[in-house]
């Protein structure tokens, strides 16, 4: 007959080992970061294990460029999309259980897909997420500017008699 206390001790030991492994995975994941360079090294972004921007460096030469924000975002997306591979390399504790590593990498890939190619531009008029980035050739033409309205002609100046133009109170 199996001693229930021995069985319980065995379960407690396995749970403690799993907890220790989970803590190691958590600590290793927290240490993962990715740095990506864009625009010929003029933009450098670093993201942490959650994909949050932790560092941004912009070269002097491009600070006044009107497309700077779009280039920063594209570089940020490229860095975030590499988090899955960085997790595989930076979390050796999860390598012991392939399904854990696969789940981590799949979740990172789902959360941070690859950025659109460079020849795609942002479509700010998109109603669906799938239409957010379109090839430059298929971008809809911007709406034509609306002609400004003509200012209204000033009305005849009112009489200075408390706005009673007819002169009497009861008309």
Protein backbone atom coordinates (compact mmCIF):
# COMPACT_ATOMS: atom_id res chain seq x y z
CA UNK A 1 0.00 0.00 0.00
CA UNK A 2 1.23 3.51 -0.85
CA UNK A 3 1.84 5.85 2.03
CA UNK A 4 -0.22 9.04 1.41
CA UNK A 5 2.45 11.16 3.10
CA UNK A 6 5.11 9.91 0.69
CA UNK A 7 2.80 10.63 -2.22
CA UNK A 8 2.14 14.13 -0.90
CA UNK A 9 5.87 14.74 -0.36
CA UNK A 10 6.53 13.69 -3.97
CA UNK A 11 3.85 16.04 -5.27
CA UNK A 12 5.19 18.90 -3.14
CA UNK A 13 8.71 18.30 -4.47
CA UNK A 14 7.48 18.37 -8.09
CA UNK A 15 5.45 21.54 -7.47
CA UNK A 16 8.49 23.20 -5.85
CA UNK A 17 10.66 22.23 -8.85
CA UNK A 18 8.04 23.57 -11.27
CA UNK A 19 7.80 26.81 -9.27
CA UNK A 20 11.57 27.17 -9.33
CA UNK A 21 11.63 26.60 -13.09
CA UNK A 22 8.79 29.09 -13.62
CA UNK A 23 10.65 31.70 -11.57
CA UNK A 24 13.80 31.11 -13.62
CA UNK A 25 11.84 31.48 -16.88
CA UNK A 26 10.21 34.69 -15.60
CA UNK A 27 13.55 36.18 -14.56
CA UNK A 28 15.22 35.23 -17.85
CA UNK A 29 12.31 36.64 -19.86
CA UNK A 30 12.53 39.92 -17.94
CA UNK A 31 16.17 40.24 -18.99
CA UNK A 32 15.41 39.90 -22.73
CA UNK A 33 15.57 43.04 -24.85
CA UNK A 34 16.00 43.75 -28.55
CA UNK A 35 17.80 46.69 -30.15
CA UNK A 36 17.07 47.57 -33.77
CA UNK A 37 18.68 50.17 -36.04
CA UNK A 38 16.83 51.95 -38.81
CA UNK A 39 17.43 54.57 -41.46
CA UNK A 40 21.08 53.68 -41.91
CA UNK A 41 21.84 53.70 -38.19
CA UNK A 42 20.29 57.12 -37.61
CA UNK A 43 17.44 55.62 -35.54
CA UNK A 44 18.10 53.16 -32.72
CA UNK A 45 15.28 51.68 -30.64
CA UNK A 46 15.40 49.20 -27.78
CA UNK A 47 12.36 47.26 -26.57
CA UNK A 48 12.02 45.18 -23.42
CA UNK A 49 10.56 41.68 -23.11
CA UNK A 50 7.02 43.07 -23.29
CA UNK A 51 7.68 45.06 -26.47
CA UNK A 52 7.72 48.41 -24.67
CA UNK A 53 10.08 51.08 -25.95
CA UNK A 54 12.89 51.52 -23.42
CA UNK A 55 15.42 53.55 -25.43
CA UNK A 56 15.26 55.78 -28.49
CA UNK A 57 18.20 57.48 -30.15
CA UNK A 58 17.81 59.78 -33.15
CA UNK A 59 20.75 61.05 -35.19
CA UNK A 60 21.16 64.79 -35.74
CA UNK A 61 20.98 64.44 -39.51
CA UNK A 62 17.34 63.32 -39.60
CA UNK A 63 15.74 65.22 -36.72
CA UNK A 64 13.86 67.62 -39.00
CA UNK A 65 12.71 65.00 -41.52
CA UNK A 66 8.90 64.96 -41.86
CA UNK A 67 8.81 61.16 -42.15
CA UNK A 68 10.81 60.67 -38.94
CA UNK A 69 7.85 59.44 -36.87
CA UNK A 70 6.94 56.81 -39.46
CA UNK A 71 10.56 55.62 -39.62
CA UNK A 72 10.73 55.39 -35.81
CA UNK A 73 7.54 53.33 -35.72
CA UNK A 74 8.78 51.04 -38.50
CA UNK A 75 12.04 50.47 -36.59
CA UNK A 76 10.09 49.86 -33.37
CA UNK A 77 7.88 47.28 -35.10
CA UNK A 78 10.96 45.56 -36.52
CA UNK A 79 12.47 45.32 -33.03
CA UNK A 80 9.23 44.00 -31.54
CA UNK A 81 8.90 41.38 -34.26
CA UNK A 82 12.28 39.92 -33.25
CA UNK A 83 11.23 39.31 -29.63
CA UNK A 84 10.15 35.72 -30.32
CA UNK A 85 13.63 34.75 -31.52
CA UNK A 86 15.22 36.70 -28.67
CA UNK A 87 13.09 34.76 -26.20
CA UNK A 88 14.29 31.47 -27.69
CA UNK A 89 17.91 32.57 -27.31
CA UNK A 90 17.58 34.37 -23.98
CA UNK A 91 15.40 31.98 -21.96
CA UNK A 92 17.33 28.70 -21.66
CA UNK A 93 15.16 27.51 -18.74
CA UNK A 94 12.18 27.18 -21.06
CA UNK A 95 14.17 25.04 -23.52
CA UNK A 96 13.64 22.02 -21.23
CA UNK A 97 9.95 21.99 -22.11
CA UNK A 98 9.54 22.51 -25.86
CA UNK A 99 5.82 23.22 -25.56
CA UNK A 100 6.54 26.10 -23.15
CA UNK A 101 9.06 27.63 -25.52
CA UNK A 102 6.72 27.13 -28.47
CA UNK A 103 3.91 28.83 -26.55
CA UNK A 104 6.14 31.79 -25.63
CA UNK A 105 7.39 32.20 -29.19
CA UNK A 106 3.91 31.82 -30.71
CA UNK A 107 2.51 34.44 -28.35
CA UNK A 108 5.32 36.88 -29.18
CA UNK A 109 4.76 36.33 -32.90
CA UNK A 110 1.01 36.87 -32.48
CA UNK A 111 1.49 40.02 -30.41
CA UNK A 112 4.26 41.48 -32.57
CA UNK A 113 3.96 40.48 -36.24
CA UNK A 114 6.56 41.46 -38.80
CA UNK A 115 6.36 45.10 -39.90
CA UNK A 116 5.04 45.94 -43.35
CA UNK A 117 7.63 46.19 -46.14
CA UNK A 118 9.32 49.54 -46.73
CA UNK A 119 7.31 50.15 -49.88
CA UNK A 120 4.09 50.18 -47.86
CA UNK A 121 2.72 53.37 -46.35
CA UNK A 122 0.25 53.98 -43.56
CA UNK A 123 -3.36 54.43 -44.67
CA UNK A 124 -4.88 56.77 -42.10
CA UNK A 125 -8.34 56.42 -43.67
CA UNK A 126 -8.44 52.65 -43.11
CA UNK A 127 -11.55 51.25 -41.49
CA UNK A 128 -10.12 47.73 -41.08
CA UNK A 129 -6.77 46.73 -39.55
CA UNK A 130 -5.91 44.74 -42.69
CA UNK A 131 -6.08 47.97 -44.72
CA UNK A 132 -3.85 49.96 -42.37
CA UNK A 133 -0.79 49.55 -44.61
CA UNK A 134 -1.09 49.57 -48.37
CA UNK A 135 1.43 49.56 -51.21
CA UNK A 136 2.29 53.10 -52.26
CA UNK A 137 0.75 52.51 -55.69
CA UNK A 138 -2.67 51.57 -54.29
CA UNK A 139 -3.00 54.35 -51.74
CA UNK A 140 -6.23 56.26 -52.27
CA UNK A 141 -5.79 59.80 -53.43
CA UNK A 142 -6.05 62.30 -50.62
CA UNK A 143 -9.36 64.13 -50.55
CA UNK A 144 -9.37 67.35 -52.50
CA UNK A 145 -9.16 70.40 -50.29
CA UNK A 146 -12.41 72.16 -49.59
CA UNK A 147 -12.50 75.76 -50.71
CA UNK A 148 -12.72 78.12 -47.76
CA UNK A 149 -16.05 79.82 -47.28
CA UNK A 150 -16.30 83.47 -48.10
CA UNK A 151 -16.56 85.64 -45.03
CA UNK A 152 -20.02 86.98 -44.36
CA UNK A 153 -20.69 90.54 -45.29
CA UNK A 154 -21.15 92.65 -42.21
CA UNK A 155 -24.72 93.69 -41.67
CA UNK A 156 -25.73 97.31 -41.49
CA UNK A 157 -24.69 98.77 -38.19
CA UNK A 158 -27.57 98.81 -35.73
CA UNK A 159 -28.94 102.00 -34.40
CA UNK A 160 -27.46 103.06 -31.13
CA UNK A 161 -30.93 103.16 -29.61
CA UNK A 162 -30.81 99.79 -27.84
CA UNK A 163 -31.34 97.97 -31.14
CA UNK A 164 -34.82 99.40 -31.69
CA UNK A 165 -34.46 100.21 -35.34
CA UNK A 166 -38.04 101.28 -35.83
CA UNK A 167 -37.83 103.72 -32.99
CA UNK A 168 -40.76 102.52 -30.97
CA UNK A 169 -40.93 99.93 -28.30
CA UNK A 170 -44.13 98.05 -29.27
CA UNK A 171 -44.00 98.03 -33.08
